[in-house]
Protein backbone atom coordinates (compact mmCIF):
# COMPACT_ATOMS: atom_id res chain seq x y z
CA MET A 1 0.03 0.05 0.10
CA PRO A 2 1.68 3.00 -1.05
CA ALA A 3 2.61 6.05 1.60
CA ASP A 4 -0.09 8.95 2.16
CA ILE A 5 1.37 12.19 1.65
CA ARG A 6 -0.56 13.29 5.17
CA THR A 7 1.27 11.05 7.12
CA ILE A 8 4.79 12.12 6.77
CA ASP A 9 6.04 15.13 7.87
CA LEU A 10 9.55 17.40 7.39
CA ASN A 11 10.55 16.01 10.86
CA LEU A 12 9.97 12.56 9.78
CA LEU A 13 12.21 12.42 6.65
CA ARG A 14 14.51 14.35 8.70
CA ALA A 15 14.77 11.87 10.93
CA LEU A 16 15.04 8.97 8.06
CA ASP A 17 18.22 11.26 6.79
CA ALA A 18 19.79 10.89 9.96
CA LEU A 19 19.28 6.77 10.56
CA LEU A 20 20.51 6.40 7.00
CA ASP A 21 23.72 8.50 7.66
CA GLU A 22 24.50 7.59 11.29
CA ARG A 23 23.09 3.49 11.16
CA ASN A 24 22.47 4.23 14.77
CA VAL A 25 19.44 5.03 16.94
CA THR A 26 21.39 6.78 19.85
CA ARG A 27 23.78 9.12 17.84
CA ALA A 28 20.82 9.81 15.01
CA ALA A 29 18.79 10.90 18.15
CA ARG A 30 22.09 12.99 19.26
CA ARG A 31 22.09 14.51 15.78
CA LEU A 32 18.12 15.56 15.68
CA ALA A 33 18.70 16.83 19.41
CA LEU A 34 15.79 14.36 20.44
CA THR A 35 15.68 11.59 23.59
CA GLN A 36 16.31 7.85 22.10
CA PRO A 37 12.52 7.02 22.54
CA ALA A 38 11.40 9.98 20.44
CA VAL A 39 13.49 8.70 17.31
CA SER A 40 12.58 5.22 17.82
CA GLY A 41 8.86 6.55 17.92
CA MET A 42 10.06 8.58 15.03
CA LEU A 43 11.01 4.76 13.23
CA VAL A 44 7.24 3.09 14.09
CA ARG A 45 5.78 5.96 11.85
CA LEU A 46 8.08 5.47 9.30
CA ARG A 47 7.86 2.00 8.85
CA GLU A 48 3.96 2.52 8.53
CA ALA A 49 4.10 5.41 6.34
CA PHE A 50 6.38 3.09 4.00
CA ASP A 51 5.08 -0.02 4.67
CA ASP A 52 8.50 -1.60 5.19
CA PRO A 53 11.02 -2.44 8.26
CA LEU A 54 13.30 0.19 6.57
CA PHE A 55 16.03 -0.96 9.67
CA ILE A 56 17.26 -4.32 10.75
CA ARG A 57 18.81 -4.86 14.21
CA THR A 58 22.27 -5.82 13.93
CA GLN A 59 25.40 -6.52 16.61
CA ARG A 60 26.34 -2.99 15.36
CA GLY A 61 23.17 -1.30 15.78
CA ILE A 62 21.07 -1.29 12.64
CA ALA A 63 21.28 -2.20 9.12
CA PRO A 64 19.05 -0.84 5.99
CA THR A 65 16.38 -2.80 4.35
CA LEU A 66 16.43 -2.32 0.29
CA ARG A 67 13.83 -0.10 0.31
CA ALA A 68 15.51 2.54 2.64
CA LEU A 69 18.59 2.27 0.34
CA GLU A 70 15.97 3.38 -2.67
CA LEU A 71 15.57 6.36 -0.36
CA VAL A 72 18.82 7.59 0.31
CA ALA A 73 19.03 9.86 -2.76
CA PRO A 74 15.75 11.19 -3.51
CA LEU A 75 15.68 11.86 0.43
CA LYS A 76 19.02 14.02 0.24
CA GLN A 77 17.36 15.94 -2.76
CA ILE A 78 14.09 16.65 -1.02
CA LEU A 79 15.73 18.06 2.21
CA GLY A 80 18.23 19.79 0.08
CA GLU A 81 15.45 21.21 -2.25
CA VAL A 82 13.69 22.33 1.54
CA GLU A 83 16.35 23.49 2.96
CA THR A 84 16.42 26.06 -0.06
CA LEU A 85 13.38 27.41 -0.16
CA LEU A 86 13.18 27.76 3.39
CA THR A 87 16.75 29.89 3.25
CA PRO A 88 16.43 33.43 2.17
CA GLN A 89 18.29 33.97 -1.12
CA ALA A 90 20.89 36.38 -0.98
CA PHE A 91 20.16 39.69 -3.12
CA ASP A 92 23.06 41.07 -5.16
CA PRO A 93 21.61 45.14 -6.63
CA ALA A 94 24.29 44.47 -9.25
CA SER A 95 22.63 41.48 -11.03
CA ALA A 96 18.59 42.41 -9.99
CA ASP A 97 16.38 42.05 -12.82
CA PHE A 98 12.90 43.04 -11.47
CA THR A 99 10.15 45.71 -11.73
CA LEU A 100 9.55 47.78 -8.85
CA THR A 101 6.28 49.86 -8.68
CA LEU A 102 6.18 52.82 -6.56
CA ALA A 103 2.77 55.13 -6.31
CA ALA A 104 3.22 58.55 -6.10
CA THR A 105 1.88 61.99 -6.52
CA ASP A 106 3.35 64.40 -8.98
CA TYR A 107 4.75 65.94 -5.43
CA ALA A 108 6.17 62.86 -4.30
CA LEU A 109 7.69 61.74 -7.83
CA GLN A 110 9.88 65.21 -8.08
CA ALA A 111 10.47 65.23 -4.22
CA VAL A 112 11.25 61.66 -3.44
CA VAL A 113 11.37 59.20 -6.94
CA ALA A 114 13.42 61.10 -9.00
CA PRO A 115 16.71 61.25 -6.25
CA TYR A 116 15.78 57.97 -5.45
CA LEU A 117 15.76 56.90 -9.02
CA ALA A 118 19.66 58.83 -9.43
CA VAL A 119 20.56 56.67 -6.79
CA LEU A 120 19.06 53.36 -7.42
CA ARG A 121 20.39 53.38 -10.76
CA ARG A 122 24.64 53.06 -9.73
CA GLU A 123 23.37 50.47 -7.39
CA ALA A 124 21.22 48.19 -9.29
CA PRO A 125 20.95 49.45 -13.19
CA GLY A 126 18.71 46.13 -13.83
CA ILE A 127 15.79 46.98 -11.84
CA ARG A 128 12.94 48.80 -13.94
CA VAL A 129 10.88 51.41 -11.80
CA ALA A 130 7.14 52.10 -12.52
CA VAL A 131 5.01 55.07 -11.08
CA VAL A 132 1.70 54.66 -10.76
CA PRO A 133 -0.55 57.58 -9.78
CA VAL A 134 -1.78 57.12 -5.93
CA GLN A 135 -5.39 56.03 -6.02
CA ASP A 136 -6.39 56.33 -1.91
CA PRO A 137 -9.33 54.01 -2.48
CA SER A 138 -7.99 50.97 -4.15
CA LEU A 139 -3.95 51.59 -2.13
CA HIS A 140 -4.42 48.71 0.07
CA ALA A 141 -6.08 46.28 -2.56
CA GLN A 142 -2.88 47.21 -4.83
CA LEU A 143 -0.49 46.68 -2.01
CA ALA A 144 -1.90 43.07 -1.37
CA ARG A 145 -2.36 41.83 -4.46
CA GLY A 146 1.22 43.08 -5.57
CA ASP A 147 0.73 45.82 -8.06
CA VAL A 148 2.04 48.37 -5.80
CA ASP A 149 5.20 47.14 -4.11
CA VAL A 150 5.15 50.96 -2.21
CA ALA A 151 3.05 53.85 -2.11
CA LEU A 152 4.10 57.24 -1.33
CA VAL A 153 1.89 58.86 0.94
CA THR A 154 1.40 60.47 4.13
CA PRO A 155 -0.05 58.97 7.40
CA GLU A 156 -3.62 60.64 7.58
CA SER A 157 -3.72 58.22 3.97
CA THR A 158 -1.88 55.13 5.39
CA PRO A 159 -4.31 51.87 5.96
CA ALA A 160 -3.93 50.87 9.76
CA ASP A 161 -2.60 47.34 8.88
CA LEU A 162 0.47 48.22 6.69
CA HIS A 163 3.89 48.55 7.50
CA ALA A 164 4.78 52.59 7.30
CA ARG A 165 7.51 54.66 7.94
CA ARG A 166 7.96 58.50 8.24
CA LEU A 167 10.47 59.96 5.25
CA PHE A 168 10.64 63.19 5.81
CA ASP A 169 8.44 66.60 7.30
CA GLU A 170 7.87 69.20 4.30
CA ARG A 171 6.84 72.82 5.35
CA TYR A 172 5.71 75.34 2.64
CA VAL A 173 6.89 78.51 1.11
CA CYS A 174 6.00 80.83 -1.38
CA VAL A 175 7.34 81.12 -4.82
CA MET A 176 7.34 83.63 -7.52
CA ARG A 177 9.83 84.42 -10.58
CA ALA A 178 12.95 85.50 -10.10
CA ASP A 179 11.83 89.00 -11.30
CA HIS A 180 9.05 89.56 -9.80
CA PRO A 181 8.89 93.08 -8.55
CA ASP A 182 7.94 91.78 -5.09
CA ALA A 183 10.80 89.32 -4.96
CA ALA A 184 13.81 91.69 -4.53
CA ARG A 185 12.90 92.39 -0.55
CA GLY A 186 13.80 88.94 0.24
CA ARG A 187 10.38 88.68 2.27
CA ILE A 188 6.65 89.79 1.84
CA THR A 189 4.59 91.13 4.33
CA LEU A 190 0.65 89.08 4.96
CA ALA A 191 -1.05 92.51 3.14
CA ARG A 192 0.95 91.89 0.03
CA PHE A 193 0.30 88.57 0.01
CA CYS A 194 -3.05 88.50 0.36
CA ALA A 195 -3.05 91.44 -2.16
CA LEU A 196 -1.34 89.34 -4.48
CA ASP A 197 -3.06 86.94 -7.30
CA HIS A 198 -1.82 83.20 -6.69
CA ALA A 199 -1.71 79.58 -8.34
CA LEU A 200 -2.81 76.80 -6.44
CA VAL A 201 -2.72 73.38 -7.05
CA SER A 202 -5.51 71.11 -6.55
CA TYR A 203 -5.56 67.26 -7.04
CA THR A 204 -9.02 66.93 -7.62
CA GLY A 205 -9.41 69.85 -10.15
CA GLY A 206 -10.78 72.62 -10.06
CA SER A 207 -10.97 73.80 -6.02
CA PHE A 208 -9.66 77.38 -5.39
CA HIS A 209 -9.26 76.35 -1.65
CA GLY A 210 -6.57 74.65 0.46
CA VAL A 211 -4.07 74.80 3.08
CA THR A 212 -3.50 78.43 2.98
CA ASP A 213 -6.76 79.70 2.90
CA GLU A 214 -7.45 77.53 6.26
CA ALA A 215 -4.46 79.37 7.85
CA LEU A 216 -5.44 82.40 6.47
CA ALA A 217 -9.16 82.38 7.94
CA GLN A 218 -7.61 82.25 11.29
CA HIS A 219 -6.44 85.10 10.92
CA GLY A 220 -9.22 86.79 9.66
CA ARG A 221 -7.68 87.54 6.02
CA ALA A 222 -8.23 85.74 2.42
CA ARG A 223 -6.39 85.61 -0.51
CA ARG A 224 -7.83 85.52 -4.22
CA VAL A 225 -6.67 82.31 -6.22
CA ALA A 226 -6.38 83.25 -9.86
CA LEU A 227 -5.54 79.83 -10.97
CA SER A 228 -5.96 76.44 -9.89
CA VAL A 229 -4.08 73.60 -11.65
CA THR A 230 -3.76 69.50 -11.01
CA SER A 231 -0.16 69.28 -10.94
CA PHE A 232 2.98 70.78 -9.75
CA LEU A 233 4.89 69.90 -12.38
CA VAL A 234 3.34 72.42 -14.70
CA LEU A 235 3.38 75.25 -11.97
CA PRO A 236 6.94 76.79 -12.12
CA GLU A 237 6.51 77.25 -16.10
CA ILE A 238 3.06 79.14 -14.96
CA LEU A 239 4.98 81.19 -12.47
CA ARG A 240 7.88 82.17 -14.51
CA ALA A 241 6.05 83.46 -17.03
CA SER A 242 3.54 85.27 -14.82
CA ASP A 243 2.99 87.67 -11.80
CA LEU A 244 0.89 85.16 -10.21
CA ILE A 245 2.58 83.54 -6.38
CA ALA A 246 2.14 80.16 -5.10
CA VAL A 247 2.55 78.54 -1.87
CA VAL A 248 4.48 75.46 -2.01
CA PRO A 249 6.31 72.87 -0.88
CA GLN A 250 9.53 73.30 0.03
CA ARG A 251 11.28 71.02 -1.58
CA LEU A 252 9.70 71.62 -4.89
CA ALA A 253 10.80 75.06 -4.37
CA GLN A 254 14.31 74.06 -4.28
CA ARG A 255 14.32 71.94 -7.25
CA ALA A 256 12.53 74.99 -9.45
CA GLU A 257 14.80 77.20 -11.47
CA GLY A 258 14.11 80.67 -12.40
CA LEU A 259 11.85 81.34 -9.03
CA ALA A 260 12.37 83.40 -6.23
CA VAL A 261 11.67 81.73 -2.52
CA LEU A 262 10.41 83.33 0.34
CA PRO A 263 9.33 82.71 3.72
CA ALA A 264 5.46 82.44 4.00
CA PRO A 265 4.32 85.70 5.67
CA LEU A 266 2.18 83.13 8.22
CA GLU A 267 2.22 80.09 9.67
CA ILE A 268 0.88 77.08 6.95
CA PRO A 269 0.76 73.48 8.66
CA GLY A 270 2.96 71.13 6.23
CA PHE A 271 2.72 67.44 6.17
CA THR A 272 4.61 64.39 7.00
CA LYS A 273 5.65 61.95 3.83
CA THR A 274 5.55 58.33 4.33
CA ALA A 275 6.39 55.02 2.34
CA ALA A 276 4.28 52.05 3.48
CA TRP A 277 3.99 48.52 1.95
CA HIS A 278 2.19 45.33 2.65
CA GLU A 279 3.03 42.01 4.63
CA ARG A 280 2.92 40.08 1.39
CA THR A 281 6.60 42.14 -0.07
CA HIS A 282 7.89 43.04 3.72
CA ARG A 283 10.14 39.84 3.88
CA ASP A 284 11.15 39.61 0.53
CA PRO A 285 15.10 40.25 0.01
CA ALA A 286 14.97 42.02 -2.80
CA ARG A 287 12.01 44.61 -1.96
CA ARG A 288 13.53 45.13 1.87
CA TRP A 289 16.66 46.05 -0.13
CA ALA A 290 14.84 48.66 -2.48
CA ARG A 291 13.07 50.49 0.33
CA ALA A 292 16.32 50.34 2.63
CA LEU A 293 17.85 52.52 -0.41
CA LEU A 294 14.72 54.50 -0.56
CA PHE A 295 15.01 55.37 2.83
CA GLU A 296 18.70 56.10 3.09
CA THR A 297 17.95 58.20 0.27
CA CYS A 298 15.42 60.37 2.13
CA GLU A 299 17.77 60.50 4.93
CA SER A 300 20.33 61.87 3.20
CA LEU A 301 17.90 64.45 1.51
CA ARG A 302 16.55 65.45 4.88
CA ALA A 303 19.96 65.98 6.13
CA THR A 304 20.82 68.29 2.94
CA ALA A 305 17.75 70.21 3.69
CA ALA A 306 18.96 70.87 6.93
CA ALA A 307 21.81 72.16 6.67
């Protein structure tokens, strides 16, 4: 009668391997860090499973039957494959070849992904990077399916059951074209700030109200937002070609050419950028390495910004 695989577990196979090597129950038990009665009991189960005595007692210990000898080679192969399966493969960035998918807003694309790619290309040129938009309602499902490896979001939009790590805190500054009439002063008063026309980024589109307007309202002030766009990417070009001013994250202002950067004339609450990922990829050596490099890159950027 053939053995039922449901009655065989890995420990029984390991015991059989030790018995075949040692040809002695006591030595096999010592090798397995078990008691002799425990190994004897496992041998009883092995005999039932394979419907064969497997070992015959001799004056020097135990001798394998012909059936047991037939099992030596396949048993070694199986245990070797299991060990390989359970042992994490060493990850070599230089030879890595896979696709890393990041979910990012256009802000994160400029502030995080662009500098990260510069480092990643040097360390692991074979890794392809796909950047997809952040879709809050379906983000968790995307991470769970493996469609997204890392999402660059904020703590407020990060589901509680995801792994997450803070990357940096961001603050807002005021920007305008370098030769704007108000740029030469190096600062802008609250009254002048409210008198000028503003451009605003609204990810949802069409909104003329944002965190700056909420901060102004607390001071009993208001501004005129003359333009609402859905992306930070087009904003520098618009500012360079007009007298509009805008309140933008500092990291974007530092990367934009042809713009003057002034402190905002009032306290505007900033935000925190976070990396989030699913348990599905938490222990994968390749993704773990890629996340570590992302953290190192953001730490370096944070130190540069603080200098």
